[in-house]
Amino acid sequence: MFMGACIVVACFIGFLFIYDYFAPAVERKPAVSEKKGQEAVPSKKAAAAPKQKIQDKTSANKNPVKSSAKTFKIPANTEIPRLKAKRREQVIKHEGYTVSYNSDYRIANWVAYELTAMEAKSKKAERSNKFVPDPLVKGATATNEDYTHTGYDRGHLAPAGDMKWSAKAMRESFYLSNICPQKPKLNRGIWKDLEEQCRLWALDGGSLLIVTGPVITDDMKRLGKNRVAVPKSFYKVLCYHTGKGYKGIGFLFENRDYKDNSLESMAIPVDSVEKITGIDFFPSIPDDQEEEMEAAVDWSSWSF
């Protein structure tokens, strides 16, 4: 009996010894897990840090793109052409356009101006419809009566529709130095279509340089008391800057009805218009850029 009691006591002491030995190991396990959890949090932050650097680098790369995308400002008077042929001219600067007036023929050699997007969409001024002699013209000039009952329209070179941004510019667009005898179906047809298209191009490109006028020849017939010359044909050349360079296009129309002809079918290189008119267009543009721009029509740069 005594021996049995001793065995029981020994077993109990042994159990306590074993429990005491293993219990601390069990209690330490949560501490290890917690430590791992603490290490996992910093490692997440460390992984996020490079991502932040990448984003910062991307943002830094975007800034130069914005600065390089600024709209190119065309130098003042880039639209002004130069006569290559010997011809009488008086250059007059008005609010919305510049005219090279030829008193020998009572019409312009050319009219040039820049049409901006803001000007093209403006509705500030209403059409005046008051045709008057240009007060700055020296020498012979046309009068309103020269056109009366002739069968010709008083055709604008710089159109009134491009001058709605200023009451003064609108009024001066009706100066007879800016007017030529045009067949009604030309003036109210494809010529008007081109004027409207120019406003759309100005809106798209931000700015459009326009030079327009009659093709001066010695055999033009005359009309009215002041013997105003009647051109056989008219031209319009256009230019704008894309940010990569200048783009140009020209148009030439006989003084007649064009019925259903499309504007696109009438487009020609600026060089072709220069040969016919004897005018050097956009001479202030650097020669290499001017030659490339005038040699051919870049069709991808002009939407019709």
C-alpha atoms as a PDB file:
ATOM      1  CA  MET A   1       0.000   0.000   0.000  1.00  0.00           C
ATOM      2  CA  PHE A   2       2.817   2.357   0.944  1.00  0.00           C
ATOM      3  CA  MET A   3       4.682   1.535  -2.228  1.00  0.00           C
ATOM      4  CA  GLY A   4       1.597   2.259  -4.335  1.00  0.00           C
ATOM      5  CA  ALA A   5       1.202   5.670  -2.707  1.00  0.00           C
ATOM      6  CA  CYS A   6       4.836   6.460  -3.415  1.00  0.00           C
ATOM      7  CA  ILE A   7       4.441   5.586  -7.100  1.00  0.00           C
ATOM      8  CA  VAL A   8       1.371   7.878  -7.391  1.00  0.00           C
ATOM      9  CA  VAL A   9       3.249  10.779  -5.771  1.00  0.00           C
ATOM     10  CA  ALA A  10       6.269  10.234  -8.028  1.00  0.00           C
ATOM     11  CA  CYS A  11       4.035  10.240 -11.119  1.00  0.00           C
ATOM     12  CA  PHE A  12       2.348  13.456 -10.002  1.00  0.00           C
ATOM     13  CA  ILE A  13       5.706  15.180  -9.415  1.00  0.00           C
ATOM     14  CA  GLY A  14       6.903  13.988 -12.810  1.00  0.00           C
ATOM     15  CA  PHE A  15       3.762  15.377 -14.488  1.00  0.00           C
ATOM     16  CA  LEU A  16       4.303  18.765 -12.875  1.00  0.00           C
ATOM     17  CA  PHE A  17       7.920  18.785 -14.029  1.00  0.00           C
ATOM     18  CA  ILE A  18       6.943  17.956 -17.636  1.00  0.00           C
ATOM     19  CA  TYR A  19       4.170  20.615 -17.677  1.00  0.00           C
ATOM     20  CA  ASP A  20       6.512  23.267 -16.333  1.00  0.00           C
ATOM     21  CA  TYR A  21       9.077  22.402 -19.000  1.00  0.00           C
ATOM     22  CA  PHE A  22       6.732  22.656 -22.029  1.00  0.00           C
ATOM     23  CA  ALA A  23       4.390  25.457 -20.934  1.00  0.00           C
ATOM     24  CA  PRO A  24       6.823  28.409 -21.670  1.00  0.00           C
ATOM     25  CA  ALA A  25       7.303  27.206 -25.245  1.00  0.00           C
ATOM     26  CA  VAL A  26       3.553  27.289 -25.836  1.00  0.00           C
ATOM     27  CA  GLU A  27       3.317  30.794 -24.363  1.00  0.00           C
ATOM     28  CA  ARG A  28       6.194  32.087 -26.543  1.00  0.00           C
ATOM     29  CA  LYS A  29       4.428  31.203 -29.811  1.00  0.00           C
ATOM     30  CA  PRO A  30       2.114  34.252 -29.819  1.00  0.00           C
ATOM     31  CA  ALA A  31       5.124  36.466 -29.227  1.00  0.00           C
ATOM     32  CA  VAL A  32       6.821  35.051 -32.347  1.00  0.00           C
ATOM     33  CA  SER A  33       3.684  35.538 -34.444  1.00  0.00           C
ATOM     34  CA  GLU A  34       3.352  39.114 -33.229  1.00  0.00           C
ATOM     35  CA  LYS A  35       6.918  39.809 -34.191  1.00  0.00           C
ATOM     36  CA  LYS A  36       6.297  38.467 -37.649  1.00  0.00           C
ATOM     37  CA  GLY A  37       3.221  40.626 -37.888  1.00  0.00           C
ATOM     38  CA  GLN A  38       5.272  43.700 -36.983  1.00  0.00           C
ATOM     39  CA  GLU A  39       7.824  42.848 -39.647  1.00  0.00           C
ATOM     40  CA  ALA A  40       5.086  42.446 -42.272  1.00  0.00           C
ATOM     41  CA  VAL A  41       3.832  45.996 -41.768  1.00  0.00           C
ATOM     42  CA  PRO A  42       7.199  47.706 -42.428  1.00  0.00           C
ATOM     43  CA  SER A  43       7.795  45.459 -45.458  1.00  0.00           C
ATOM     44  CA  LYS A  44       4.499  46.687 -46.934  1.00  0.00           C
ATOM     45  CA  LYS A  45       5.600  50.291 -46.563  1.00  0.00           C
ATOM     46  CA  ALA A  46       8.952  49.490 -48.114  1.00  0.00           C
ATOM     47  CA  ALA A  47       7.178  47.971 -51.127  1.00  0.00           C
ATOM     48  CA  ALA A  48       4.979  51.048 -51.487  1.00  0.00           C
ATOM     49  CA  ALA A  49       7.890  53.488 -51.419  1.00  0.00           C
ATOM     50  CA  PRO A  50       9.316  52.600 -54.853  1.00  0.00           C
ATOM     51  CA  LYS A  51       5.810  52.903 -56.268  1.00  0.00           C
ATOM     52  CA  GLN A  52       5.623  56.477 -54.982  1.00  0.00           C
ATOM     53  CA  LYS A  53       8.983  57.230 -56.578  1.00  0.00           C
ATOM     54  CA  ILE A  54       7.761  55.893 -59.912  1.00  0.00           C
ATOM     55  CA  GLN A  55       4.687  58.092 -59.717  1.00  0.00           C
ATOM     56  CA  ASP A  56       6.815  61.132 -58.898  1.00  0.00           C
ATOM     57  CA  LYS A  57       9.082  60.356 -61.849  1.00  0.00           C
ATOM     58  CA  THR A  58       6.084  60.024 -64.152  1.00  0.00           C
ATOM     59  CA  SER A  59       4.712  63.352 -62.961  1.00  0.00           C
ATOM     60  CA  ALA A  60       8.092  64.963 -63.519  1.00  0.00           C
ATOM     61  CA  ASN A  61       8.140  63.642 -67.065  1.00  0.00           C
ATOM     62  CA  LYS A  62       4.697  65.114 -67.792  1.00  0.00           C
ATOM     63  CA  ASN A  63       5.681  68.691 -66.984  1.00  0.00           C
ATOM     64  CA  PRO A  64       7.984  69.244 -70.003  1.00  0.00           C
ATOM     65  CA  VAL A  65       5.264  67.915 -72.343  1.00  0.00           C
ATOM     66  CA  LYS A  66       2.860  70.568 -71.117  1.00  0.00           C
ATOM     67  CA  SER A  67       5.382  73.339 -71.533  1.00  0.00           C
ATOM     68  CA  SER A  68       6.348  72.198 -75.038  1.00  0.00           C
ATOM     69  CA  ALA A  69       2.725  72.129 -76.147  1.00  0.00           C
ATOM     70  CA  LYS A  70       2.334  75.914 -75.993  1.00  0.00           C
ATOM     71  CA  THR A  71       0.697  77.459 -79.051  1.00  0.00           C
ATOM     72  CA  PHE A  72       3.243  78.822 -81.493  1.00  0.00           C
ATOM     73  CA  LYS A  73       2.824  82.577 -81.949  1.00  0.00           C
ATOM     74  CA  ILE A  74       3.267  83.573 -85.586  1.00  0.00           C
ATOM     75  CA  PRO A  75       5.482  86.674 -85.908  1.00  0.00           C
ATOM     76  CA  ALA A  76       3.633  89.897 -86.732  1.00  0.00           C
ATOM     77  CA  ASN A  77       3.214  90.761 -90.436  1.00  0.00           C
ATOM     78  CA  THR A  78       4.097  87.240 -91.612  1.00  0.00           C
ATOM     79  CA  GLU A  79       1.051  87.449 -93.891  1.00  0.00           C
ATOM     80  CA  ILE A  80       2.366  90.482 -95.813  1.00  0.00           C
ATOM     81  CA  PRO A  81       3.454  89.490 -99.351  1.00  0.00           C
ATOM     82  CA  ARG A  82       5.843  91.194-101.768  1.00  0.00           C
ATOM     83  CA  LEU A  83       5.254  92.155-105.390  1.00  0.00           C
ATOM     84  CA  LYS A  84       7.812  90.605-107.727  1.00  0.00           C
ATOM     85  CA  ALA A  85       6.411  92.283-110.838  1.00  0.00           C
ATOM     86  CA  LYS A  86       6.680  96.052-111.298  1.00  0.00           C
ATOM     87  CA  ARG A  87       3.274  97.368-110.411  1.00  0.00           C
ATOM     88  CA  ARG A  88       1.848 100.492-108.828  1.00  0.00           C
ATOM     89  CA  GLU A  89       0.920 100.039-105.201  1.00  0.00           C
ATOM     90  CA  GLN A  90      -0.019 101.980-102.116  1.00  0.00           C
ATOM     91  CA  VAL A  91       0.102  99.861 -98.956  1.00  0.00           C
ATOM     92  CA  ILE A  92      -2.597 100.867 -96.466  1.00  0.00           C
ATOM     93  CA  LYS A  93      -3.007  99.386 -93.010  1.00  0.00           C
ATOM     94  CA  HIS A  94      -6.566  99.149 -91.709  1.00  0.00           C
ATOM     95  CA  GLU A  95      -7.948  97.717 -88.477  1.00  0.00           C
ATOM     96  CA  GLY A  96      -8.572  94.218 -89.799  1.00  0.00           C
ATOM     97  CA  TYR A  97      -6.464  93.964 -92.940  1.00  0.00           C
ATOM     98  CA  THR A  98      -3.650  95.472 -95.012  1.00  0.00           C
ATOM     99  CA  VAL A  99      -4.252  96.341 -98.662  1.00  0.00           C
ATOM    100  CA  SER A 100      -1.869  96.954-101.547  1.00  0.00           C
ATOM    101  CA  TYR A 101      -3.950  99.334-103.634  1.00  0.00           C
ATOM    102  CA  ASN A 102      -3.326  99.831-107.348  1.00  0.00           C
ATOM    103  CA  SER A 103      -4.677 103.184-108.531  1.00  0.00           C
ATOM    104  CA  ASP A 104      -3.991 102.270-112.188  1.00  0.00           C
ATOM    105  CA  TYR A 105      -6.779  99.689-112.024  1.00  0.00           C
ATOM    106  CA  ARG A 106      -8.816 101.050-109.054  1.00  0.00           C
ATOM    107  CA  ILE A 107      -8.570  97.674-107.323  1.00  0.00           C
ATOM    108  CA  ALA A 108      -6.145  95.959-104.950  1.00  0.00           C
ATOM    109  CA  ASN A 109      -3.041  93.997-105.871  1.00  0.00           C
ATOM    110  CA  TRP A 110      -3.552  92.010-102.674  1.00  0.00           C
ATOM    111  CA  VAL A 111      -5.256  92.095 -99.289  1.00  0.00           C
ATOM    112  CA  ALA A 112      -3.628  90.324 -96.343  1.00  0.00           C
ATOM    113  CA  TYR A 113      -4.604  89.657 -92.753  1.00  0.00           C
ATOM    114  CA  GLU A 114      -4.377  87.187 -89.894  1.00  0.00           C
ATOM    115  CA  LEU A 115      -7.628  85.598 -88.754  1.00  0.00           C
ATOM    116  CA  THR A 116      -7.528  84.225 -85.207  1.00  0.00           C
ATOM    117  CA  ALA A 117      -9.920  81.715 -83.691  1.00  0.00           C
ATOM    118  CA  MET A 118     -11.325  84.402 -81.383  1.00  0.00           C
ATOM    119  CA  GLU A 119     -12.006  86.694 -84.345  1.00  0.00           C
ATOM    120  CA  ALA A 120     -13.526  83.889 -86.407  1.00  0.00           C
ATOM    121  CA  LYS A 121     -16.148  83.058 -83.788  1.00  0.00           C
ATOM    122  CA  SER A 122     -16.928  86.647 -82.728  1.00  0.00           C
ATOM    123  CA  LYS A 123     -20.410  88.101 -83.276  1.00  0.00           C
ATOM    124  CA  LYS A 124     -19.656  91.521 -81.826  1.00  0.00           C
ATOM    125  CA  ALA A 125     -20.305  93.682 -84.901  1.00  0.00           C
ATOM    126  CA  GLU A 126     -23.163  93.563 -87.380  1.00  0.00           C
ATOM    127  CA  ARG A 127     -22.676  93.803 -91.141  1.00  0.00           C
ATOM    128  CA  SER A 128     -22.714  97.438 -92.285  1.00  0.00           C
ATOM    129  CA  ASN A 129     -23.390  97.103 -96.065  1.00  0.00           C
ATOM    130  CA  LYS A 130     -22.188 100.650 -96.636  1.00  0.00           C
ATOM    131  CA  PHE A 131     -19.721 100.655 -99.544  1.00  0.00           C
ATOM    132  CA  VAL A 132     -17.583 103.811 -99.609  1.00  0.00           C
ATOM    133  CA  PRO A 133     -14.248 104.924-101.142  1.00  0.00           C
ATOM    134  CA  ASP A 134     -11.222 104.315 -98.938  1.00  0.00           C
ATOM    135  CA  PRO A 135     -10.357 107.726 -97.398  1.00  0.00           C
ATOM    136  CA  LEU A 136      -6.653 106.798 -97.273  1.00  0.00           C
ATOM    137  CA  VAL A 137      -6.339 106.051-100.989  1.00  0.00           C
ATOM    138  CA  LYS A 138      -4.209 108.488-102.967  1.00  0.00           C
ATOM    139  CA  GLY A 139      -5.078 108.912-106.624  1.00  0.00           C
ATOM    140  CA  ALA A 140      -7.910 107.430-108.659  1.00  0.00           C
ATOM    141  CA  THR A 141     -10.480 105.293-106.856  1.00  0.00           C
ATOM    142  CA  ALA A 142     -13.682 103.443-107.581  1.00  0.00           C
ATOM    143  CA  THR A 143     -17.054 104.727-106.436  1.00  0.00           C
ATOM    144  CA  ASN A 144     -20.303 102.976-105.673  1.00  0.00           C
ATOM    145  CA  GLU A 145     -21.831 104.168-108.930  1.00  0.00           C
ATOM    146  CA  ASP A 146     -19.164 102.350-110.964  1.00  0.00           C
ATOM    147  CA  TYR A 147     -20.814  99.051-110.018  1.00  0.00           C
ATOM    148  CA  THR A 148     -24.459 100.104-110.470  1.00  0.00           C
ATOM    149  CA  HIS A 149     -26.375  98.066-113.094  1.00  0.00           C
ATOM    150  CA  THR A 150     -23.205  96.400-114.387  1.00  0.00           C
ATOM    151  CA  GLY A 151     -24.125  92.804-113.594  1.00  0.00           C
ATOM    152  CA  TYR A 152     -21.181  92.515-111.202  1.00  0.00           C
ATOM    153  CA  ASP A 153     -21.236  92.157-107.429  1.00  0.00           C
ATOM    154  CA  ARG A 154     -19.130  94.295-105.149  1.00  0.00           C
ATOM    155  CA  GLY A 155     -17.045  91.317-104.088  1.00  0.00           C
ATOM    156  CA  HIS A 156     -15.105  91.459-100.827  1.00  0.00           C
ATOM    157  CA  LEU A 157     -11.469  90.403-100.729  1.00  0.00           C
ATOM    158  CA  ALA A 158     -11.244  90.418 -96.919  1.00  0.00           C
ATOM    159  CA  PRO A 159     -14.831  89.308 -96.184  1.00  0.00           C
ATOM    160  CA  ALA A 160     -17.133  91.136 -93.808  1.00  0.00           C
ATOM    161  CA  GLY A 161     -17.724  87.781 -92.110  1.00  0.00           C
ATOM    162  CA  ASP A 162     -14.124  87.824 -90.870  1.00  0.00           C
ATOM    163  CA  MET A 163     -14.508  91.290 -89.328  1.00  0.00           C
ATOM    164  CA  LYS A 164     -17.328  90.735 -86.837  1.00  0.00           C
ATOM    165  CA  TRP A 165     -14.879  91.139 -83.936  1.00  0.00           C
ATOM    166  CA  SER A 166     -14.735  94.939 -84.372  1.00  0.00           C
ATOM    167  CA  ALA A 167     -17.198  97.592 -85.517  1.00  0.00           C
ATOM    168  CA  LYS A 168     -14.338  99.566 -87.074  1.00  0.00           C
ATOM    169  CA  ALA A 169     -12.929  96.525 -88.874  1.00  0.00           C
ATOM    170  CA  MET A 170     -16.408  95.730 -90.167  1.00  0.00           C
ATOM    171  CA  ARG A 171     -16.911  99.281 -91.419  1.00  0.00           C
ATOM    172  CA  GLU A 172     -13.517  99.363 -93.133  1.00  0.00           C
ATOM    173  CA  SER A 173     -14.136  96.030 -94.866  1.00  0.00           C
ATOM    174  CA  PHE A 174     -16.645  97.916 -97.037  1.00  0.00           C
ATOM    175  CA  TYR A 175     -13.992 100.313 -98.345  1.00  0.00           C
ATOM    176  CA  LEU A 176     -13.894 100.026-102.127  1.00  0.00           C
ATOM    177  CA  SER A 177     -10.139  99.363-101.958  1.00  0.00           C
ATOM    178  CA  ASN A 178     -11.170  95.965-100.528  1.00  0.00           C
ATOM    179  CA  ILE A 179     -13.742  95.357-103.272  1.00  0.00           C
ATOM    180  CA  CYS A 180     -13.508  93.901-106.790  1.00  0.00           C
ATOM    181  CA  PRO A 181     -16.081  93.312-109.548  1.00  0.00           C
ATOM    182  CA  GLN A 182     -17.121  89.660-109.258  1.00  0.00           C
ATOM    183  CA  LYS A 183     -19.689  87.612-111.089  1.00  0.00           C
ATOM    184  CA  PRO A 184     -22.634  87.065-108.702  1.00  0.00           C
ATOM    185  CA  LYS A 185     -22.450  83.279-108.909  1.00  0.00           C
ATOM    186  CA  LEU A 186     -18.774  83.332-108.012  1.00  0.00           C
ATOM    187  CA  ASN A 187     -19.169  85.822-105.154  1.00  0.00           C
ATOM    188  CA  ARG A 188     -22.206  84.059-103.686  1.00  0.00           C
ATOM    189  CA  GLY A 189     -21.050  80.554-104.551  1.00  0.00           C
ATOM    190  CA  ILE A 190     -17.675  78.866-104.208  1.00  0.00           C
ATOM    191  CA  TRP A 191     -15.928  82.122-103.175  1.00  0.00           C
ATOM    192  CA  LYS A 192     -18.302  82.403-100.211  1.00  0.00           C
ATOM    193  CA  ASP A 193     -17.806  78.700 -99.460  1.00  0.00           C
ATOM    194  CA  LEU A 194     -14.058  79.284 -99.230  1.00  0.00           C
ATOM    195  CA  GLU A 195     -14.548  82.259 -96.902  1.00  0.00           C
ATOM    196  CA  GLU A 196     -16.627  80.091 -94.575  1.00  0.00           C
ATOM    197  CA  GLN A 197     -14.087  77.276 -94.769  1.00  0.00           C
ATOM    198  CA  CYS A 198     -11.320  79.703 -93.800  1.00  0.00           C
ATOM    199  CA  ARG A 199     -13.180  80.564 -90.609  1.00  0.00           C
ATOM    200  CA  LEU A 200     -13.400  76.865 -89.746  1.00  0.00           C
ATOM    201  CA  TRP A 201      -9.656  76.428 -90.370  1.00  0.00           C
ATOM    202  CA  ALA A 202      -8.926  79.442 -88.172  1.00  0.00           C
ATOM    203  CA  LEU A 203     -11.004  77.886 -85.394  1.00  0.00           C
ATOM    204  CA  ASP A 204      -9.202  74.555 -85.773  1.00  0.00           C
ATOM    205  CA  GLY A 205      -5.664  75.930 -86.035  1.00  0.00           C
ATOM    206  CA  GLY A 206      -5.986  78.918 -83.712  1.00  0.00           C
ATOM    207  CA  SER A 207      -4.775  81.331 -86.398  1.00  0.00           C
ATOM    208  CA  LEU A 208      -4.812  81.512 -90.191  1.00  0.00           C
ATOM    209  CA  LEU A 209      -2.808  83.807 -92.472  1.00  0.00           C
ATOM    210  CA  ILE A 210      -4.792  84.883 -95.533  1.00  0.00           C
ATOM    211  CA  VAL A 211      -3.702  86.691 -98.690  1.00  0.00           C
ATOM    212  CA  THR A 212      -6.278  87.252-101.398  1.00  0.00           C
ATOM    213  CA  GLY A 213      -6.841  89.397-104.456  1.00  0.00           C
ATOM    214  CA  PRO A 214      -7.385  89.621-108.210  1.00  0.00           C
ATOM    215  CA  VAL A 215      -4.962  88.345-110.815  1.00  0.00           C
ATOM    216  CA  ILE A 216      -3.790  91.598-112.434  1.00  0.00           C
ATOM    217  CA  THR A 217      -3.434  91.508-116.225  1.00  0.00           C
ATOM    218  CA  ASP A 218      -3.079  94.270-118.820  1.00  0.00           C
ATOM    219  CA  ASP A 219      -6.109  93.133-120.811  1.00  0.00           C
ATOM    220  CA  MET A 220      -8.751  93.478-118.094  1.00  0.00           C
ATOM    221  CA  LYS A 221     -11.922  95.165-119.262  1.00  0.00           C
ATOM    222  CA  ARG A 222     -13.131  98.288-117.429  1.00  0.00           C
ATOM    223  CA  LEU A 223     -16.460  99.381-116.038  1.00  0.00           C
ATOM    224  CA  GLY A 224     -18.041 102.594-114.769  1.00  0.00           C
ATOM    225  CA  LYS A 225     -17.062 106.235-114.984  1.00  0.00           C
ATOM    226  CA  ASN A 226     -13.794 105.573-113.124  1.00  0.00           C
ATOM    227  CA  ARG A 227     -12.819 102.650-115.351  1.00  0.00           C
ATOM    228  CA  VAL A 228     -12.599 100.020-112.642  1.00  0.00           C
ATOM    229  CA  ALA A 229     -10.758  96.935-113.876  1.00  0.00           C
ATOM    230  CA  VAL A 230     -12.669  93.645-114.016  1.00  0.00           C
ATOM    231  CA  PRO A 231     -10.322  90.751-113.115  1.00  0.00           C
ATOM    232  CA  LYS A 232     -10.518  87.537-115.110  1.00  0.00           C
ATOM    233  CA  SER A 233      -9.591  85.493-112.051  1.00  0.00           C
ATOM    234  CA  PHE A 234      -9.014  85.640-108.294  1.00  0.00           C
ATOM    235  CA  TYR A 235      -6.705  83.887-105.845  1.00  0.00           C
ATOM    236  CA  LYS A 236      -6.522  83.102-102.162  1.00  0.00           C
ATOM    237  CA  VAL A 237      -3.517  81.611-100.373  1.00  0.00           C
ATOM    238  CA  LEU A 238      -3.551  80.395 -96.787  1.00  0.00           C
ATOM    239  CA  CYS A 239      -0.984  79.440 -94.206  1.00  0.00           C
ATOM    240  CA  TYR A 240      -0.917  78.307 -90.603  1.00  0.00           C
ATOM    241  CA  HIS A 241       1.607  76.876 -88.150  1.00  0.00           C
ATOM    242  CA  THR A 242       1.116  73.369 -86.742  1.00  0.00           C
ATOM    243  CA  GLY A 243       3.813  73.477 -84.059  1.00  0.00           C
ATOM    244  CA  LYS A 244       6.003  71.387 -86.359  1.00  0.00           C
ATOM    245  CA  GLY A 245       6.076  73.834 -89.232  1.00  0.00           C
ATOM    246  CA  TYR A 246       4.058  75.948 -91.658  1.00  0.00           C
ATOM    247  CA  LYS A 247       1.373  74.482 -93.900  1.00  0.00           C
ATOM    248  CA  GLY A 248       0.144  76.292 -97.007  1.00  0.00           C
ATOM    249  CA  ILE A 249      -2.552  75.934 -99.637  1.00  0.00           C
ATOM    250  CA  GLY A 250      -3.703  78.009-102.605  1.00  0.00           C
ATOM    251  CA  PHE A 251      -6.870  78.505-104.642  1.00  0.00           C
ATOM    252  CA  LEU A 252      -7.443  80.058-108.054  1.00  0.00           C
ATOM    253  CA  PHE A 253     -10.854  80.876-109.541  1.00  0.00           C
ATOM    254  CA  GLU A 254     -11.895  82.320-112.859  1.00  0.00           C
ATOM    255  CA  ASN A 255     -14.466  85.106-112.568  1.00  0.00           C
ATOM    256  CA  ARG A 256     -17.412  82.828-113.321  1.00  0.00           C
ATOM    257  CA  ASP A 257     -19.884  80.351-111.852  1.00  0.00           C
ATOM    258  CA  TYR A 258     -18.443  77.070-110.586  1.00  0.00           C
ATOM    259  CA  LYS A 259     -21.749  75.302-109.973  1.00  0.00           C
ATOM    260  CA  ASP A 260     -21.002  72.092-108.050  1.00  0.00           C
ATOM    261  CA  ASN A 261     -17.198  72.170-107.966  1.00  0.00           C
ATOM    262  CA  SER A 262     -15.783  71.225-104.564  1.00  0.00           C
ATOM    263  CA  LEU A 263     -13.245  73.409-102.814  1.00  0.00           C
ATOM    264  CA  GLU A 264     -10.881  70.473-102.504  1.00  0.00           C
ATOM    265  CA  SER A 265     -10.826  70.045-106.283  1.00  0.00           C
ATOM    266  CA  MET A 266      -9.745  73.696-106.676  1.00  0.00           C
ATOM    267  CA  ALA A 267      -6.810  73.561-104.242  1.00  0.00           C
ATOM    268  CA  ILE A 268      -3.293  74.032-105.641  1.00  0.00           C
ATOM    269  CA  PRO A 269       0.208  74.647-104.206  1.00  0.00           C
ATOM    270  CA  VAL A 270       1.073  78.204-103.179  1.00  0.00           C
ATOM    271  CA  ASP A 271       3.946  78.105-105.700  1.00  0.00           C
ATOM    272  CA  SER A 272       1.437  77.767-108.525  1.00  0.00           C
ATOM    273  CA  VAL A 273      -0.384  80.906-107.412  1.00  0.00           C
ATOM    274  CA  GLU A 274       2.922  82.796-107.166  1.00  0.00           C
ATOM    275  CA  LYS A 275       3.768  81.977-110.788  1.00  0.00           C
ATOM    276  CA  ILE A 276       0.418  83.282-112.025  1.00  0.00           C
ATOM    277  CA  THR A 277       0.230  86.422-109.874  1.00  0.00           C
ATOM    278  CA  GLY A 278       3.876  87.528-109.733  1.00  0.00           C
ATOM    279  CA  ILE A 279       3.610  87.836-105.948  1.00  0.00           C
ATOM    280  CA  ASP A 280       5.961  86.375-103.349  1.00  0.00           C
ATOM    281  CA  PHE A 281       3.723  85.089-100.548  1.00  0.00           C
ATOM    282  CA  PHE A 282       4.914  84.818 -96.933  1.00  0.00           C
ATOM    283  CA  PRO A 283       8.449  86.098 -97.708  1.00  0.00           C
ATOM    284  CA  SER A 284       9.313  86.567 -94.016  1.00  0.00           C
ATOM    285  CA  ILE A 285       9.126  82.824 -93.322  1.00  0.00           C
ATOM    286  CA  PRO A 286      12.640  81.259 -93.379  1.00  0.00           C
ATOM    287  CA  ASP A 287      13.441  80.183 -96.945  1.00  0.00           C
ATOM    288  CA  ASP A 288      13.782  76.454 -96.261  1.00  0.00           C
ATOM    289  CA  GLN A 289      10.411  76.349 -94.485  1.00  0.00           C
ATOM    290  CA  GLU A 290       8.753  78.591 -97.078  1.00  0.00           C
ATOM    291  CA  GLU A 291       9.962  76.458 -99.994  1.00  0.00           C
ATOM    292  CA  GLU A 292       8.737  73.238 -98.418  1.00  0.00           C
ATOM    293  CA  MET A 293       5.373  74.748 -97.451  1.00  0.00           C
ATOM    294  CA  GLU A 294       4.712  76.287-100.881  1.00  0.00           C
ATOM    295  CA  ALA A 295       5.914  73.413-103.081  1.00  0.00           C
ATOM    296  CA  ALA A 296       2.978  71.075-102.463  1.00  0.00           C
ATOM    297  CA  VAL A 297      -0.305  70.766-100.609  1.00  0.00           C
ATOM    298  CA  ASP A 298      -0.085  68.608 -97.495  1.00  0.00           C
ATOM    299  CA  TRP A 299      -3.595  67.177 -97.745  1.00  0.00           C
ATOM    300  CA  SER A 300      -3.480  65.718 -94.235  1.00  0.00           C
ATOM    301  CA  SER A 301      -3.241  69.272 -92.835  1.00  0.00           C
ATOM    302  CA  TRP A 302      -6.423  70.608 -94.471  1.00  0.00           C
ATOM    303  CA  SER A 303      -9.851  69.208 -93.674  1.00  0.00           C
ATOM    304  CA  PHE A 304     -12.633  69.878 -96.174  1.00  0.00           C
END
